[in-house]
């Protein structure tokens, strides 16, 4: 039952992503995106700028390659071979972002009133590769931490940290002027769809017999 629920969530999220893709394909520069970017950037503060840069830092190369590779290797060496393979598939979700960018070719944010922080931006805007990568790959890694680590604090420390990064990466991409709001929303939808599919398949592979860890585990 649980695996089927995840697959239903994946279907709904992908439908939302595809809808946004059609909207953006038809109208690459939307007034609501411009307004959202300007309003978010009005919150400017030196500490906030540093924080947003740190959140986005994990999604730039070479760390966007080195950190996932370390996570996959560590999971494999810890004896979770099947889970490591699933992590590789989660990592491959970034290819979906790359191919979609090539299809949509949406220009990056620019124009009067929009501040674009200097960064190595090599491709088009839709969807946000950072947001998709964080949601799909690190989301699945957080799922593994939650289900496999014993002990409340040992489990929740990585899960809460990763969850915070996933929640903040979208706003950080808008704040830094690297993506439009619809880029971020579409990537969250696509990332959730990809993540829910992997979790659903993983649960089905286990036969849904492995229970979620209880809060009292130690």
Protein backbone atom coordinates (compact mmCIF):
# COMPACT_ATOMS: atom_id res chain seq x y z
CA UNK A 1 0.00 0.00 0.00
CA UNK A 2 2.79 2.39 0.93
CA UNK A 3 4.66 1.83 -2.34
CA UNK A 4 1.49 2.46 -4.35
CA UNK A 5 0.93 5.71 -2.46
CA UNK A 6 4.40 6.94 -3.42
CA UNK A 7 3.77 6.08 -7.05
CA UNK A 8 0.49 8.04 -7.00
CA UNK A 9 2.33 11.03 -5.54
CA UNK A 10 4.89 10.69 -8.34
CA UNK A 11 2.15 10.80 -10.96
CA UNK A 12 0.53 13.93 -9.52
CA UNK A 13 3.87 15.72 -9.15
CA UNK A 14 4.95 14.88 -12.68
CA UNK A 15 1.63 16.15 -14.05
CA UNK A 16 2.26 19.46 -12.27
CA UNK A 17 5.77 19.62 -13.71
CA UNK A 18 4.57 18.92 -17.24
CA UNK A 19 1.90 21.60 -16.92
CA UNK A 20 4.50 24.17 -15.88
CA UNK A 21 6.74 23.07 -18.74
CA UNK A 22 3.98 23.78 -21.26
CA UNK A 23 3.26 27.16 -19.70
CA UNK A 24 6.91 28.21 -19.71
CA UNK A 25 7.46 26.89 -23.22
CA UNK A 26 4.63 29.10 -24.42
CA UNK A 27 5.62 32.18 -22.39
CA UNK A 28 9.32 32.16 -21.33
CA UNK A 29 9.19 35.49 -19.49
CA UNK A 30 6.17 35.90 -17.24
CA UNK A 31 5.35 38.99 -15.25
CA UNK A 32 4.64 36.96 -12.13
CA UNK A 33 8.16 35.53 -12.25
CA UNK A 34 9.67 39.02 -12.52
CA UNK A 35 7.58 40.31 -9.62
CA UNK A 36 8.44 37.28 -7.46
CA UNK A 37 12.18 37.73 -8.09
CA UNK A 38 12.12 41.44 -7.26
CA UNK A 39 10.15 40.85 -4.05
CA UNK A 40 12.48 38.09 -2.88
CA UNK A 41 15.55 40.20 -3.64
CA UNK A 42 14.12 43.10 -1.64
CA UNK A 43 14.98 41.04 1.47
CA UNK A 44 18.67 41.72 0.82
CA UNK A 45 21.03 41.48 3.80
CA UNK A 46 24.74 40.55 3.87
CA UNK A 47 24.15 37.54 6.13
CA UNK A 48 21.22 36.36 4.05
CA UNK A 49 23.29 36.66 0.88
CA UNK A 50 26.08 34.57 2.41
CA UNK A 51 23.55 31.97 3.61
CA UNK A 52 21.93 31.68 0.20
CA UNK A 53 25.34 31.31 -1.44
CA UNK A 54 26.22 28.51 0.97
CA UNK A 55 22.95 26.69 0.28
CA UNK A 56 23.55 26.87 -3.47
CA UNK A 57 27.27 26.01 -3.16
CA UNK A 58 26.57 22.28 -2.86
CA UNK A 59 24.98 22.25 -6.32
CA UNK A 60 27.96 23.68 -8.21
CA UNK A 61 30.87 21.66 -9.56
CA UNK A 62 33.12 20.06 -8.41
CA UNK A 63 31.24 19.52 -5.12
CA UNK A 64 28.03 18.53 -6.94
CA UNK A 65 29.99 15.54 -8.26
CA UNK A 66 32.30 14.79 -5.33
CA UNK A 67 29.65 14.79 -2.58
CA UNK A 68 27.17 12.42 -4.29
CA UNK A 69 30.03 10.11 -5.26
CA UNK A 70 31.14 10.04 -1.62
CA UNK A 71 27.57 9.28 -0.49
CA UNK A 72 27.21 6.43 -2.98
CA UNK A 73 30.61 4.96 -2.11
CA UNK A 74 29.96 5.26 1.63
CA UNK A 75 26.57 3.55 1.30
CA UNK A 76 28.13 0.74 -0.74
CA UNK A 77 31.03 0.24 1.69
CA UNK A 78 28.59 0.21 4.61
CA UNK A 79 27.04 -2.91 3.10
CA UNK A 80 23.89 -1.36 1.62
CA UNK A 81 24.57 -2.47 -1.95
CA UNK A 82 20.98 -2.27 -3.23
CA UNK A 83 20.53 1.17 -1.68
CA UNK A 84 23.77 2.39 -3.28
CA UNK A 85 22.43 1.36 -6.67
CA UNK A 86 19.23 3.28 -6.00
CA UNK A 87 21.34 6.31 -5.11
CA UNK A 88 23.02 6.07 -8.50
CA UNK A 89 19.59 6.16 -10.16
CA UNK A 90 18.67 9.14 -7.98
CA UNK A 91 21.82 10.87 -9.17
CA UNK A 92 20.88 10.22 -12.79
CA UNK A 93 17.85 12.44 -12.26
CA UNK A 94 20.13 15.38 -13.05
CA UNK A 95 20.21 14.16 -16.66
CA UNK A 96 16.49 14.91 -16.87
CA UNK A 97 17.28 18.52 -16.00
CA UNK A 98 19.98 18.69 -18.66
CA UNK A 99 17.79 17.32 -21.44
CA UNK A 100 14.82 19.50 -20.46
CA UNK A 101 17.00 22.61 -20.49
CA UNK A 102 18.04 21.77 -24.03
CA UNK A 103 14.40 21.44 -25.07
CA UNK A 104 12.97 24.56 -23.40
CA UNK A 105 16.01 26.90 -23.73
CA UNK A 106 14.59 29.50 -21.38
CA UNK A 107 16.78 32.58 -20.80
CA UNK A 108 18.14 33.21 -17.31
CA UNK A 109 16.68 36.06 -15.21
CA UNK A 110 17.70 39.52 -16.35
CA UNK A 111 16.30 43.00 -16.73
CA UNK A 112 15.70 46.13 -14.73
CA UNK A 113 15.38 45.63 -10.99
CA UNK A 114 16.81 42.08 -11.02
CA UNK A 115 20.17 41.44 -9.37
CA UNK A 116 22.14 38.48 -10.68
CA UNK A 117 24.92 37.22 -8.44
CA UNK A 118 28.09 36.21 -10.27
CA UNK A 119 28.28 32.43 -10.78
CA UNK A 120 29.34 29.84 -13.34
CA UNK A 121 26.01 29.42 -15.12
CA UNK A 122 26.57 27.34 -18.23
CA UNK A 123 23.11 26.50 -19.48
CA UNK A 124 19.53 27.75 -19.72
CA UNK A 125 17.09 28.44 -16.91
CA UNK A 126 14.29 25.84 -16.97
CA UNK A 127 14.27 23.78 -14.82
CA UNK A 128 16.55 24.47 -11.84
CA UNK A 129 19.22 21.77 -11.81
CA UNK A 130 20.17 22.60 -8.22
CA UNK A 131 16.61 22.12 -6.98
CA UNK A 132 16.09 18.89 -8.88
CA UNK A 133 19.41 17.44 -7.72
CA UNK A 134 18.83 18.32 -4.06
CA UNK A 135 15.28 16.97 -4.08
CA UNK A 136 15.94 13.73 -5.97
CA UNK A 137 19.39 12.65 -4.85
CA UNK A 138 19.71 14.11 -1.37
CA UNK A 139 16.04 13.48 -0.73
CA UNK A 140 16.58 9.77 -1.34
CA UNK A 141 19.72 9.83 0.79
CA UNK A 142 17.67 11.38 3.61
CA UNK A 143 15.07 8.63 3.16
CA UNK A 144 17.81 6.01 3.55
CA UNK A 145 19.10 7.75 6.68
CA UNK A 146 15.61 7.78 8.16
CA UNK A 147 14.92 4.12 7.45
CA UNK A 148 18.34 2.61 8.13
CA UNK A 149 19.95 4.58 10.96
CA UNK A 150 19.10 3.49 14.48
CA UNK A 151 18.81 6.12 17.16
CA UNK A 152 16.62 9.19 17.08
CA UNK A 153 19.36 11.81 17.14
CA UNK A 154 21.69 9.99 14.76
CA UNK A 155 18.80 9.67 12.33
CA UNK A 156 17.28 13.11 12.58
CA UNK A 157 20.54 15.04 12.39
CA UNK A 158 21.22 14.23 8.70
CA UNK A 159 17.52 14.13 7.81
CA UNK A 160 16.82 17.60 9.21
CA UNK A 161 19.99 19.02 7.68
CA UNK A 162 19.21 17.65 4.22
CA UNK A 163 15.58 18.65 4.53
CA UNK A 164 16.61 22.22 5.31
CA UNK A 165 18.86 22.35 2.26
CA UNK A 166 16.10 21.00 0.02
CA UNK A 167 13.64 23.55 1.36
CA UNK A 168 16.06 26.47 1.01
CA UNK A 169 17.69 25.70 -2.32
CA UNK A 170 14.71 26.89 -4.35
CA UNK A 171 14.48 30.29 -2.63
CA UNK A 172 18.26 30.62 -2.85
CA UNK A 173 18.19 30.22 -6.64
CA UNK A 174 15.61 33.01 -6.90
CA UNK A 175 17.37 35.24 -4.37
CA UNK A 176 20.68 34.95 -6.24
CA UNK A 177 18.97 35.78 -9.52
CA UNK A 178 19.87 32.49 -11.17
CA UNK A 179 16.35 31.12 -11.73
CA UNK A 180 12.75 32.20 -12.05
CA UNK A 181 10.07 31.10 -9.60
CA UNK A 182 8.50 28.74 -12.15
CA UNK A 183 11.92 27.13 -12.75
CA UNK A 184 12.11 26.29 -9.07
CA UNK A 185 8.50 25.13 -8.71
CA UNK A 186 8.82 22.87 -11.74
CA UNK A 187 12.02 21.36 -10.36
CA UNK A 188 10.44 20.68 -6.99
CA UNK A 189 7.56 18.92 -8.78
CA UNK A 190 9.90 16.90 -11.00
CA UNK A 191 12.21 16.12 -8.08
CA UNK A 192 9.33 14.95 -5.90
CA UNK A 193 8.04 12.81 -8.75
CA UNK A 194 11.45 11.22 -9.28
CA UNK A 195 12.04 10.79 -5.53
CA UNK A 196 8.60 9.30 -4.87
CA UNK A 197 9.08 6.87 -7.75
CA UNK A 198 12.39 5.64 -6.37
CA UNK A 199 11.01 5.30 -2.85
CA UNK A 200 7.94 3.49 -4.15
CA UNK A 201 10.09 1.05 -6.13
CA UNK A 202 12.40 0.56 -3.18
CA UNK A 203 9.51 -0.17 -0.85
CA UNK A 204 8.01 -2.56 -3.40
CA UNK A 205 11.36 -4.31 -3.73
CA UNK A 206 11.33 -4.81 0.03
CA UNK A 207 7.75 -6.04 -0.15
CA UNK A 208 6.72 -3.19 2.17
CA UNK A 209 7.60 -5.52 5.07
CA UNK A 210 10.33 -3.29 6.49
CA UNK A 211 8.67 -0.91 8.94
CA UNK A 212 9.62 2.75 9.36
CA UNK A 213 11.88 3.28 12.33
CA UNK A 214 10.00 4.24 15.45
CA UNK A 215 10.76 7.41 17.39
CA UNK A 216 11.94 5.32 20.33
CA UNK A 217 14.73 3.52 18.43
CA UNK A 218 18.09 3.85 20.11
